[in-house]
């Protein structure tokens, strides 16, 4: 995974990048990341892990994720939609 600055990523590439980051931090295979999976309860991601995921996603996608928004994120799908949305807005 390397930072993508020179060309815009597709939605699929953004999602794959985020899933790889979450997988690395949570040590859970990306195939278990269905949109409906609840991040905290089902993946066991605590606040420290969440901060690490946010920091790495910000670096690789060149975006800024407001940590207060992460509190409202419940599912994998919510987080994926948020990162795709922020990426699109940051790179318009």
C-alpha atoms as a PDB file:
ATOM      1  CA  UNK A   1       0.000   0.000   0.000  1.00  0.00           C
ATOM      2  CA  UNK A   2       1.516   3.253  -1.028  1.00  0.00           C
ATOM      3  CA  UNK A   3       0.188   6.767  -0.932  1.00  0.00           C
ATOM      4  CA  UNK A   4      -1.719   7.671  -4.083  1.00  0.00           C
ATOM      5  CA  UNK A   5      -0.984  11.301  -4.946  1.00  0.00           C
ATOM      6  CA  UNK A   6      -0.471  11.275  -8.705  1.00  0.00           C
ATOM      7  CA  UNK A   7      -3.810   9.907  -9.896  1.00  0.00           C
ATOM      8  CA  UNK A   8      -7.321   9.710  -8.532  1.00  0.00           C
ATOM      9  CA  UNK A   9      -8.427   6.406  -7.106  1.00  0.00           C
ATOM     10  CA  UNK A  10     -11.577   4.599  -8.101  1.00  0.00           C
ATOM     11  CA  UNK A  11     -14.209   3.872  -5.465  1.00  0.00           C
ATOM     12  CA  UNK A  12     -13.101   0.230  -5.494  1.00  0.00           C
ATOM     13  CA  UNK A  13      -9.462   1.233  -4.876  1.00  0.00           C
ATOM     14  CA  UNK A  14     -10.459   3.469  -1.963  1.00  0.00           C
ATOM     15  CA  UNK A  15     -12.540   0.691  -0.425  1.00  0.00           C
ATOM     16  CA  UNK A  16      -9.742  -1.850  -0.886  1.00  0.00           C
ATOM     17  CA  UNK A  17      -7.208   0.512   0.728  1.00  0.00           C
ATOM     18  CA  UNK A  18      -9.467   1.099   3.737  1.00  0.00           C
ATOM     19  CA  UNK A  19     -10.199  -2.621   4.100  1.00  0.00           C
ATOM     20  CA  UNK A  20      -6.467  -3.407   4.030  1.00  0.00           C
ATOM     21  CA  UNK A  21      -5.803  -0.837   6.748  1.00  0.00           C
ATOM     22  CA  UNK A  22      -8.623  -2.153   8.956  1.00  0.00           C
ATOM     23  CA  UNK A  23      -7.484  -5.729   8.346  1.00  0.00           C
ATOM     24  CA  UNK A  24      -3.917  -4.940   9.345  1.00  0.00           C
ATOM     25  CA  UNK A  25      -4.958  -3.166  12.560  1.00  0.00           C
ATOM     26  CA  UNK A  26      -7.737  -5.587  13.580  1.00  0.00           C
ATOM     27  CA  UNK A  27      -5.939  -8.724  12.318  1.00  0.00           C
ATOM     28  CA  UNK A  28      -9.171  -9.837  10.659  1.00  0.00           C
ATOM     29  CA  UNK A  29      -9.351 -11.007   7.049  1.00  0.00           C
ATOM     30  CA  UNK A  30     -10.858  -8.457   4.657  1.00  0.00           C
ATOM     31  CA  UNK A  31     -13.394 -11.055   3.475  1.00  0.00           C
ATOM     32  CA  UNK A  32     -15.181 -10.637   6.819  1.00  0.00           C
ATOM     33  CA  UNK A  33     -15.754  -6.915   6.167  1.00  0.00           C
ATOM     34  CA  UNK A  34     -19.335  -6.978   4.929  1.00  0.00           C
ATOM     35  CA  UNK A  35     -21.012  -3.549   4.905  1.00  0.00           C
ATOM     36  CA  UNK A  36     -23.340  -4.562   7.736  1.00  0.00           C
ATOM     37  CA  UNK A  37     -20.598  -5.734  10.128  1.00  0.00           C
ATOM     38  CA  UNK A  38     -20.577  -3.637  13.307  1.00  0.00           C
ATOM     39  CA  UNK A  39     -17.087  -2.226  13.772  1.00  0.00           C
ATOM     40  CA  UNK A  40     -16.794  -2.136  17.559  1.00  0.00           C
ATOM     41  CA  UNK A  41     -18.732  -5.235  18.585  1.00  0.00           C
ATOM     42  CA  UNK A  42     -18.082  -7.617  15.700  1.00  0.00           C
ATOM     43  CA  UNK A  43     -14.555  -6.557  14.758  1.00  0.00           C
ATOM     44  CA  UNK A  44     -13.510  -5.613  18.279  1.00  0.00           C
ATOM     45  CA  UNK A  45     -12.030  -2.277  17.248  1.00  0.00           C
ATOM     46  CA  UNK A  46     -11.430  -0.107  20.299  1.00  0.00           C
ATOM     47  CA  UNK A  47     -10.806   3.644  20.353  1.00  0.00           C
ATOM     48  CA  UNK A  48      -7.009   3.289  20.113  1.00  0.00           C
ATOM     49  CA  UNK A  49      -7.299   1.006  17.087  1.00  0.00           C
ATOM     50  CA  UNK A  50      -9.828   3.414  15.564  1.00  0.00           C
ATOM     51  CA  UNK A  51      -7.399   6.327  15.924  1.00  0.00           C
ATOM     52  CA  UNK A  52      -4.673   4.289  14.245  1.00  0.00           C
ATOM     53  CA  UNK A  53      -7.013   3.312  11.380  1.00  0.00           C
ATOM     54  CA  UNK A  54      -8.021   6.948  10.920  1.00  0.00           C
ATOM     55  CA  UNK A  55      -4.394   8.155  10.894  1.00  0.00           C
ATOM     56  CA  UNK A  56      -3.300   5.570   8.329  1.00  0.00           C
ATOM     57  CA  UNK A  57      -6.337   6.167   6.084  1.00  0.00           C
ATOM     58  CA  UNK A  58      -5.668   9.906   6.214  1.00  0.00           C
ATOM     59  CA  UNK A  59      -2.060   9.336   5.171  1.00  0.00           C
ATOM     60  CA  UNK A  60      -2.728   6.874   2.337  1.00  0.00           C
ATOM     61  CA  UNK A  61      -5.768   8.668   0.941  1.00  0.00           C
ATOM     62  CA  UNK A  62      -4.552  12.214   1.626  1.00  0.00           C
ATOM     63  CA  UNK A  63      -7.767  13.133   3.451  1.00  0.00           C
ATOM     64  CA  UNK A  64      -8.742  14.508   6.862  1.00  0.00           C
ATOM     65  CA  UNK A  65     -11.179  12.451   8.940  1.00  0.00           C
ATOM     66  CA  UNK A  66     -12.797  14.347  11.797  1.00  0.00           C
ATOM     67  CA  UNK A  67     -12.482  11.948  14.745  1.00  0.00           C
ATOM     68  CA  UNK A  68     -15.830  13.140  16.107  1.00  0.00           C
ATOM     69  CA  UNK A  69     -17.489  11.696  12.978  1.00  0.00           C
ATOM     70  CA  UNK A  70     -16.018   8.290  13.739  1.00  0.00           C
ATOM     71  CA  UNK A  71     -18.122   8.151  16.909  1.00  0.00           C
ATOM     72  CA  UNK A  72     -21.250   8.026  14.712  1.00  0.00           C
ATOM     73  CA  UNK A  73     -19.840   5.249  12.525  1.00  0.00           C
ATOM     74  CA  UNK A  74     -21.334   1.889  13.415  1.00  0.00           C
ATOM     75  CA  UNK A  75     -20.746  -0.436  10.464  1.00  0.00           C
ATOM     76  CA  UNK A  76     -17.977  -1.167   8.011  1.00  0.00           C
ATOM     77  CA  UNK A  77     -20.221   0.224   5.265  1.00  0.00           C
ATOM     78  CA  UNK A  78     -20.634   3.514   7.164  1.00  0.00           C
ATOM     79  CA  UNK A  79     -16.867   3.931   7.402  1.00  0.00           C
ATOM     80  CA  UNK A  80     -16.287   2.994   3.768  1.00  0.00           C
ATOM     81  CA  UNK A  81     -18.922   5.502   2.600  1.00  0.00           C
ATOM     82  CA  UNK A  82     -17.383   8.213   4.803  1.00  0.00           C
ATOM     83  CA  UNK A  83     -13.865   7.675   3.457  1.00  0.00           C
ATOM     84  CA  UNK A  84     -15.026   7.518  -0.182  1.00  0.00           C
ATOM     85  CA  UNK A  85     -17.024  10.719   0.352  1.00  0.00           C
ATOM     86  CA  UNK A  86     -14.115  12.536   2.013  1.00  0.00           C
ATOM     87  CA  UNK A  87     -11.717  11.371  -0.709  1.00  0.00           C
ATOM     88  CA  UNK A  88     -14.015  12.636  -3.467  1.00  0.00           C
ATOM     89  CA  UNK A  89     -14.429  16.014  -1.745  1.00  0.00           C
ATOM     90  CA  UNK A  90     -10.702  16.377  -1.066  1.00  0.00           C
ATOM     91  CA  UNK A  91      -9.707  15.565  -4.639  1.00  0.00           C
ATOM     92  CA  UNK A  92     -12.368  17.355  -6.684  1.00  0.00           C
END
